[in-house]
Amino acid sequence: MQEVIISGIQQIGIGVPNVHEAWKWYRKHFGMDIRIFEENASADLMLNYTGGKPVKRHAALALNLQGGGGFEIWQYTERIPQPPAFDIAIGDFGIFAAKMKCRDVRATLELFKSNNHDINGEIRTDPRGKEYFFVKDPYGNLFQMEEGYAWFKNEKKPTGASSGVIIGVSNIEKSRVVYSEILGYDEVLFDNTAVFDDLSGIPGGDSKIRRVLLKHSKNRMGGFSRLFGPSHIELIQSLERKPQKIYEGRYWGDLGFIHLCYDIHGMEILKEACESKGYPFTVDSFENFKGNSFDMGEAAGHFSYIEDPDGTLIEFVETHKIPIFKKIGWYLNLKKRDPKKALPDWLLKSLKFQRVRD
């Protein structure tokens, strides 16, 4: 019987004002230099989130071969992307920060400081005793730089890619139906309520919150599981202030963290599972294309979206084709493989042929 296989976080969508400028910054400072696809086209299936009409955009999916989830760097091409109408604070509904894995947190902090990065404070220590720090990109997006593990390839970069996210929610128990029961983050690493010292100086960090860090107890399976690696979800529930929805009144693709995307296999089974738990697909390329792959130029597959209880967008992608070495027409067809089996390391490392160099 077919089952749902989650290989890990494929990417975090980031809406930016200039995709080429942003990607160059992410390559230099986060090592996101592997191009999986880059496409300038119309987004025709996201009408629920784009004012009821198709929108034109330029998007690129970039990875770091040291491991972790990638970035889908996303720019509108025929409208000016809009920022939030307010200053985002921790606990506001949506993705507050992306977690990024470091080989050495303190050395990475000093490197970033020497490059005049916007560092929010010094070393912080979370309730587990793990060290981290916050840094902003040039667009005000916040990244939590934390200790990394389960590295894929040693390229002597200070960071890998994404190891999770911090998400604001209105009710942690209700939200765990999505994050624990659907996405598999079923193990609690901490569940604390306080005004946290380590969040001092962070907007909203001076108020009382409930803070829950989740991990998946089962190892991820599937073709890209070794590359994407393990991840965490940190849920934040404000207890003293009234949170706002980060994307209230804005479009999908506007500035900021627009969605959290998982690489999966078994889209039809996943659809049934989500519906049974009260979270139906709000977008479904399988239905729109009558079972045929959605073509992203250099890659192809199926994709769908659900919303968590507070409207945060979770994307699922069932990958069918990716380029390994596009210049010689070497593409990988994943539909012919055992979906539970991880791709060989040598094959994933061949993605180095898709590296973008500055």
Protein backbone atom coordinates (compact mmCIF):
# COMPACT_ATOMS: atom_id res chain seq x y z
CA MET A 1 0.00 0.00 0.00
CA GLN A 2 1.25 3.44 -0.90
CA GLU A 3 2.21 5.70 2.02
CA VAL A 4 3.22 9.31 2.45
CA ILE A 5 6.98 9.80 2.56
CA ILE A 6 8.38 13.13 3.75
CA SER A 7 12.02 13.60 2.72
CA GLY A 8 12.48 16.89 4.60
CA ILE A 9 12.21 20.62 4.13
CA GLN A 10 12.77 21.21 0.43
CA GLN A 11 12.77 24.98 0.69
CA ILE A 12 11.53 28.10 2.41
CA GLY A 13 9.94 30.63 0.07
CA ILE A 14 11.37 34.14 0.43
CA GLY A 15 9.75 37.11 -1.30
CA VAL A 16 12.35 39.72 -2.26
CA PRO A 17 12.44 42.96 -4.28
CA ASN A 18 15.26 41.77 -6.57
CA VAL A 19 15.85 38.05 -7.09
CA HIS A 20 19.35 38.40 -8.57
CA GLU A 21 20.57 40.75 -5.85
CA ALA A 22 19.08 38.58 -3.09
CA TRP A 23 20.40 35.33 -4.49
CA LYS A 24 23.91 36.78 -4.74
CA TRP A 25 23.73 37.68 -1.04
CA TYR A 26 22.43 34.21 -0.10
CA ARG A 27 25.19 32.58 -2.16
CA LYS A 28 27.94 34.63 -0.53
CA HIS A 29 26.77 34.41 3.08
CA PHE A 30 24.69 31.20 3.29
CA GLY A 31 26.34 29.17 0.50
CA MET A 32 23.06 28.78 -1.45
CA ASP A 33 24.79 28.29 -4.80
CA ILE A 34 23.20 25.19 -6.39
CA ARG A 35 20.53 26.08 -8.95
CA ILE A 36 17.75 23.49 -9.19
CA PHE A 37 15.52 25.66 -11.32
CA GLU A 38 15.18 29.29 -12.34
CA GLU A 39 12.09 30.43 -14.15
CA ASN A 40 10.46 33.66 -15.26
CA ALA A 41 6.80 32.81 -15.77
CA SER A 42 3.23 33.30 -14.64
CA ALA A 43 1.95 31.77 -11.40
CA ASP A 44 -1.47 30.63 -12.58
CA LEU A 45 -2.57 28.25 -9.81
CA MET A 46 -2.18 30.44 -6.73
CA LEU A 47 -5.27 32.54 -7.39
CA ASN A 48 -6.51 32.07 -3.81
CA TYR A 49 -3.47 34.05 -2.67
CA THR A 50 -2.86 36.50 -5.53
CA GLY A 51 -6.06 38.49 -5.66
CA GLY A 52 -7.88 36.02 -7.91
CA LYS A 53 -5.69 36.54 -10.97
CA PRO A 54 -2.40 35.10 -12.31
CA VAL A 55 0.77 37.02 -11.50
CA LYS A 56 4.13 37.09 -13.24
CA ARG A 57 7.20 36.33 -11.22
CA HIS A 58 10.85 35.31 -11.38
CA ALA A 59 11.75 32.45 -9.05
CA ALA A 60 14.85 30.36 -8.36
CA LEU A 61 15.30 27.30 -6.16
CA ALA A 62 18.76 27.26 -4.58
CA LEU A 63 20.43 24.64 -2.35
CA ASN A 64 23.62 24.31 -0.31
CA LEU A 65 25.32 20.92 -0.76
CA GLN A 66 26.47 20.90 2.84
CA GLY A 67 22.87 20.02 3.65
CA GLY A 68 19.57 21.48 4.79
CA GLY A 69 16.49 22.87 3.11
CA GLY A 70 16.84 25.31 0.24
CA PHE A 71 15.45 28.74 -0.59
CA GLU A 72 12.86 29.51 -3.23
CA ILE A 73 13.82 33.10 -3.97
CA TRP A 74 10.77 34.84 -5.41
CA GLN A 75 10.18 38.23 -7.05
CA TYR A 76 7.15 39.79 -8.67
CA THR A 77 7.97 41.18 -12.12
CA GLU A 78 4.87 43.26 -12.86
CA ARG A 79 3.94 44.63 -9.44
CA ILE A 80 5.85 46.09 -6.52
CA PRO A 81 6.02 43.49 -3.73
CA GLN A 82 4.55 44.80 -0.51
CA PRO A 83 6.11 44.72 2.97
CA PRO A 84 4.08 44.02 6.10
CA ALA A 85 1.95 46.93 7.25
CA PHE A 86 3.49 46.69 10.74
CA ASP A 87 6.74 45.73 12.45
CA ILE A 88 6.71 41.94 12.85
CA ALA A 89 7.14 40.60 16.40
CA ILE A 90 7.75 37.07 17.61
CA GLY A 91 4.40 35.32 18.00
CA ASP A 92 2.79 37.08 15.05
CA PHE A 93 1.06 34.48 12.89
CA GLY A 94 3.35 33.13 10.21
CA ILE A 95 7.05 32.37 9.74
CA PHE A 96 9.00 34.69 12.03
CA ALA A 97 12.50 33.37 11.28
CA ALA A 98 14.31 30.66 9.34
CA LYS A 99 16.69 28.41 11.25
CA MET A 100 20.11 27.92 9.58
CA LYS A 101 22.74 25.34 10.48
CA CYS A 102 26.31 26.36 11.34
CA ARG A 103 29.44 24.27 11.78
CA ASP A 104 30.66 26.61 14.54
CA VAL A 105 28.17 29.15 15.89
CA ARG A 106 30.73 31.43 17.53
CA ALA A 107 33.11 31.42 14.54
CA THR A 108 30.20 32.14 12.20
CA LEU A 109 29.12 35.06 14.40
CA GLU A 110 32.60 36.59 14.25
CA LEU A 111 32.73 36.09 10.48
CA PHE A 112 29.35 37.75 10.01
CA LYS A 113 30.34 40.63 12.30
CA SER A 114 33.51 41.18 10.26
CA ASN A 115 31.30 41.43 7.16
CA ASN A 116 29.20 44.12 8.87
CA HIS A 117 26.07 41.99 8.95
CA ASP A 118 23.02 43.17 10.86
CA ILE A 119 23.48 41.05 14.00
CA ASN A 120 20.71 41.22 16.59
CA GLY A 121 22.70 40.86 19.81
CA GLU A 122 25.49 38.42 20.60
CA ILE A 123 25.43 34.70 21.40
CA ARG A 124 22.14 33.54 22.92
CA THR A 125 21.31 30.25 24.65
CA ASP A 126 17.98 28.50 24.11
CA PRO A 127 16.12 26.51 26.82
CA ARG A 128 18.09 23.38 25.87
CA GLY A 129 21.39 25.14 26.50
CA LYS A 130 22.18 25.34 22.77
CA GLU A 131 23.92 28.48 21.48
CA TYR A 132 22.69 30.53 18.53
CA PHE A 133 22.48 34.09 17.23
CA PHE A 134 20.15 36.09 15.01
CA VAL A 135 21.17 37.83 11.79
CA LYS A 136 19.13 39.81 9.27
CA ASP A 137 19.49 39.75 5.50
CA PRO A 138 19.45 43.09 3.61
CA TYR A 139 15.62 42.92 3.45
CA GLY A 140 14.98 42.58 7.16
CA ASN A 141 14.33 38.81 7.17
CA LEU A 142 15.52 37.17 10.37
CA PHE A 143 17.65 34.02 10.46
CA GLN A 144 18.48 32.00 13.57
CA MET A 145 22.01 30.64 13.18
CA GLU A 146 22.20 27.46 15.24
CA GLU A 147 24.45 24.44 15.75
CA GLY A 148 24.12 22.09 12.81
CA TYR A 149 24.39 18.34 12.54
CA ALA A 150 23.86 15.62 9.91
CA TRP A 151 26.01 17.41 7.35
CA PHE A 152 25.88 16.08 3.80
CA LYS A 153 29.02 17.31 1.98
CA ASN A 154 31.97 19.19 3.42
CA GLU A 155 32.56 22.22 1.24
CA LYS A 156 34.34 24.18 3.99
CA LYS A 157 31.55 26.75 4.23
CA PRO A 158 30.61 28.14 7.65
CA THR A 159 26.91 27.39 7.16
CA GLY A 160 24.63 24.83 5.66
CA ALA A 161 21.07 25.57 4.62
CA SER A 162 17.81 25.65 6.55
CA SER A 163 17.24 23.44 9.59
CA GLY A 164 13.71 24.62 10.37
CA VAL A 165 11.62 27.67 11.18
CA ILE A 166 10.11 29.69 14.03
CA ILE A 167 6.35 30.05 13.54
CA GLY A 168 3.83 32.16 15.43
CA VAL A 169 0.53 30.42 16.22
CA SER A 170 -2.64 31.21 18.18
CA ASN A 171 -3.00 27.79 19.83
CA ILE A 172 -0.13 25.33 20.07
CA GLU A 173 -2.28 22.24 20.66
CA LYS A 174 -4.41 22.98 17.62
CA SER A 175 -1.36 23.76 15.48
CA ARG A 176 0.26 20.47 16.39
CA VAL A 177 -2.35 18.66 14.32
CA VAL A 178 -0.50 20.10 11.30
CA TYR A 179 3.07 20.13 12.56
CA SER A 180 3.09 16.89 14.59
CA GLU A 181 0.38 14.68 13.04
CA ILE A 182 0.77 15.66 9.37
CA LEU A 183 4.41 16.79 9.15
CA GLY A 184 5.74 14.30 11.71
CA TYR A 185 7.30 16.62 14.32
CA ASP A 186 6.06 14.43 17.13
CA GLU A 187 8.82 14.79 19.74
CA VAL A 188 8.95 17.74 22.13
CA LEU A 189 12.46 19.02 22.92
CA PHE A 190 11.17 21.73 25.23
CA ASP A 191 7.83 23.28 26.16
CA ASN A 192 8.36 26.38 28.31
CA THR A 193 6.31 29.43 29.24
CA ALA A 194 8.13 32.59 30.34
CA VAL A 195 9.60 35.90 29.34
CA PHE A 196 12.77 34.42 27.85
CA ASP A 197 16.16 36.00 28.46
CA ASP A 198 17.52 34.72 25.17
CA LEU A 199 14.84 36.63 23.24
CA SER A 200 15.79 39.96 24.77
CA GLY A 201 16.03 42.65 22.09
CA ILE A 202 13.90 40.65 19.66
CA PRO A 203 10.58 42.38 18.81
CA GLY A 204 7.97 40.80 21.10
CA GLY A 205 10.66 39.08 23.15
CA ASP A 206 9.90 41.14 26.25
CA SER A 207 6.42 39.62 26.65
CA LYS A 208 5.31 36.28 28.06
CA ILE A 209 5.07 33.49 25.50
CA ARG A 210 4.71 29.74 25.31
CA ARG A 211 7.54 28.25 23.30
CA VAL A 212 7.63 24.65 22.02
CA LEU A 213 10.47 23.12 20.02
CA LEU A 214 9.55 20.02 18.01
CA LYS A 215 11.59 17.43 16.13
CA HIS A 216 10.65 14.34 14.12
CA SER A 217 11.39 11.14 16.04
CA LYS A 218 11.59 9.07 12.86
CA ASN A 219 14.39 9.54 10.35
CA ARG A 220 13.20 11.08 7.10
CA MET A 221 13.10 8.76 4.09
CA GLY A 222 13.09 9.33 0.35
CA GLY A 223 15.41 10.44 -2.42
CA PHE A 224 16.61 13.73 -0.94
CA SER A 225 16.40 12.82 2.75
CA ARG A 226 20.17 12.72 3.28
CA LEU A 227 20.64 16.11 1.60
CA PHE A 228 17.77 17.90 3.34
CA GLY A 229 18.52 16.26 6.67
CA PRO A 230 16.64 16.58 9.97
CA SER A 231 14.84 19.76 11.00
CA HIS A 232 12.99 21.45 13.85
CA ILE A 233 9.82 23.51 14.16
CA GLU A 234 9.59 26.07 16.96
CA LEU A 235 6.04 27.18 17.76
CA ILE A 236 5.50 30.50 19.56
CA GLN A 237 2.21 31.44 21.21
CA SER A 238 1.90 34.97 22.60
CA LEU A 239 0.17 35.13 25.97
CA GLU A 240 0.25 38.86 26.76
CA ARG A 241 -0.12 40.72 23.48
CA LYS A 242 -2.46 40.41 20.52
CA PRO A 243 -0.57 38.96 17.54
CA GLN A 244 -1.18 39.98 13.95
CA LYS A 245 -1.14 37.87 10.79
CA ILE A 246 2.13 38.59 8.98
CA TYR A 247 0.56 38.30 5.50
CA GLU A 248 -2.75 39.99 6.35
CA GLY A 249 -3.87 42.03 3.33
CA ARG A 250 -0.90 40.93 1.22
CA TYR A 251 -0.25 38.44 -1.57
CA TRP A 252 1.67 35.18 -1.54
CA GLY A 253 5.07 36.24 -2.88
CA ASP A 254 5.12 39.63 -1.18
CA LEU A 255 8.18 40.45 0.92
CA GLY A 256 9.19 38.01 3.64
CA PHE A 257 8.93 34.28 4.35
CA ILE A 258 6.03 33.24 2.13
CA HIS A 259 5.77 29.47 2.75
CA LEU A 260 7.41 26.35 4.15
CA CYS A 261 7.81 23.55 1.58
CA TYR A 262 8.29 19.79 2.05
CA ASP A 263 9.55 17.26 -0.47
CA ILE A 264 7.13 14.33 -0.34
CA HIS A 265 5.97 11.20 -2.13
CA GLY A 266 2.36 10.02 -2.15
CA MET A 267 0.44 13.21 -2.93
CA GLU A 268 -2.96 11.53 -3.28
CA ILE A 269 -2.61 9.74 0.07
CA LEU A 270 -1.41 12.95 1.68
CA LYS A 271 -4.44 14.78 0.33
CA GLU A 272 -6.74 12.27 2.01
CA ALA A 273 -4.80 12.50 5.27
CA CYS A 274 -4.93 16.30 5.31
CA GLU A 275 -8.65 16.33 4.55
CA SER A 276 -9.34 13.80 7.32
CA LYS A 277 -7.67 16.11 9.84
CA GLY A 278 -9.53 19.21 8.64
CA TYR A 279 -6.81 20.74 6.47
CA PRO A 280 -7.80 20.26 2.81
CA PHE A 281 -5.55 21.26 -0.05
CA THR A 282 -6.19 24.88 -1.03
CA VAL A 283 -4.05 24.51 -4.19
CA ASP A 284 -3.51 21.25 -6.05
CA SER A 285 -1.54 21.03 -9.31
CA PHE A 286 -2.42 17.31 -9.60
CA GLU A 287 -6.08 18.24 -10.04
CA ASN A 288 -5.35 21.19 -12.33
CA PHE A 289 -3.09 19.19 -14.63
CA LYS A 290 -5.18 16.00 -14.47
CA GLY A 291 -2.33 13.98 -12.97
CA ASN A 292 0.38 15.29 -15.31
CA SER A 293 3.54 16.89 -13.96
CA PHE A 294 3.71 20.63 -13.40
CA ASP A 295 6.65 21.85 -15.52
CA MET A 296 8.97 24.39 -13.86
CA GLY A 297 11.29 24.68 -16.86
CA GLU A 298 14.26 22.71 -15.46
CA ALA A 299 12.31 20.61 -12.96
CA ALA A 300 8.87 19.01 -12.79
CA GLY A 301 6.46 17.45 -10.33
CA HIS A 302 3.22 17.95 -8.42
CA PHE A 303 2.65 20.59 -5.79
CA SER A 304 -0.08 21.46 -3.32
CA TYR A 305 -0.72 23.76 -0.37
CA ILE A 306 -2.50 23.66 2.95
CA GLU A 307 -2.90 26.37 5.56
CA ASP A 308 -2.10 25.85 9.22
CA PRO A 309 -4.83 27.02 11.68
CA ASP A 310 -3.57 30.62 11.42
CA GLY A 311 -3.17 30.74 7.65
CA THR A 312 0.56 30.01 7.36
CA LEU A 313 1.15 28.31 4.00
CA ILE A 314 2.65 24.82 3.91
CA GLU A 315 3.62 23.56 0.46
CA PHE A 316 4.14 19.94 -0.60
CA VAL A 317 6.16 19.03 -3.69
CA GLU A 318 6.37 15.57 -5.21
CA THR A 319 9.44 15.87 -7.40
CA HIS A 320 9.47 14.00 -10.71
CA LYS A 321 12.46 15.50 -12.53
CA ILE A 322 15.48 17.63 -11.64
CA PRO A 323 18.57 18.64 -13.63
CA ILE A 324 21.90 17.11 -12.64
CA PHE A 325 24.03 18.45 -15.49
CA LYS A 326 21.81 20.47 -17.78
CA LYS A 327 24.52 21.26 -20.34
CA ILE A 328 24.66 17.62 -21.45
CA GLY A 329 20.96 16.93 -20.89
CA TRP A 330 21.44 14.87 -17.71
CA TYR A 331 18.16 14.91 -15.82
CA LEU A 332 17.06 12.61 -13.01
CA ASN A 333 13.67 10.90 -13.37
CA LEU A 334 12.46 10.15 -9.85
CA LYS A 335 9.23 8.46 -10.94
CA LYS A 336 11.19 5.30 -11.77
CA ARG A 337 12.83 4.93 -8.35
CA ASP A 338 11.89 3.30 -5.05
CA PRO A 339 10.38 6.31 -3.24
CA LYS A 340 11.64 5.18 0.18
CA LYS A 341 15.24 4.83 -0.88
CA ALA A 342 17.68 7.71 -0.54
CA LEU A 343 19.50 8.71 -3.69
CA PRO A 344 23.18 7.72 -3.75
CA ASP A 345 25.49 10.36 -2.29
CA TRP A 346 27.56 10.47 -5.47
CA LEU A 347 24.47 11.34 -7.49
CA LEU A 348 23.36 14.14 -5.16
CA LYS A 349 26.91 15.48 -5.05
CA SER A 350 26.74 15.68 -8.85
CA LEU A 351 24.42 18.63 -8.34
CA LYS A 352 27.70 20.57 -8.05
CA PHE A 353 27.45 20.87 -11.86
CA GLN A 354 24.51 23.22 -11.24
CA ARG A 355 26.61 25.56 -9.11
CA VAL A 356 26.27 29.30 -9.75
CA ARG A 357 29.56 31.15 -9.36
CA ASP A 358 30.06 34.87 -8.87
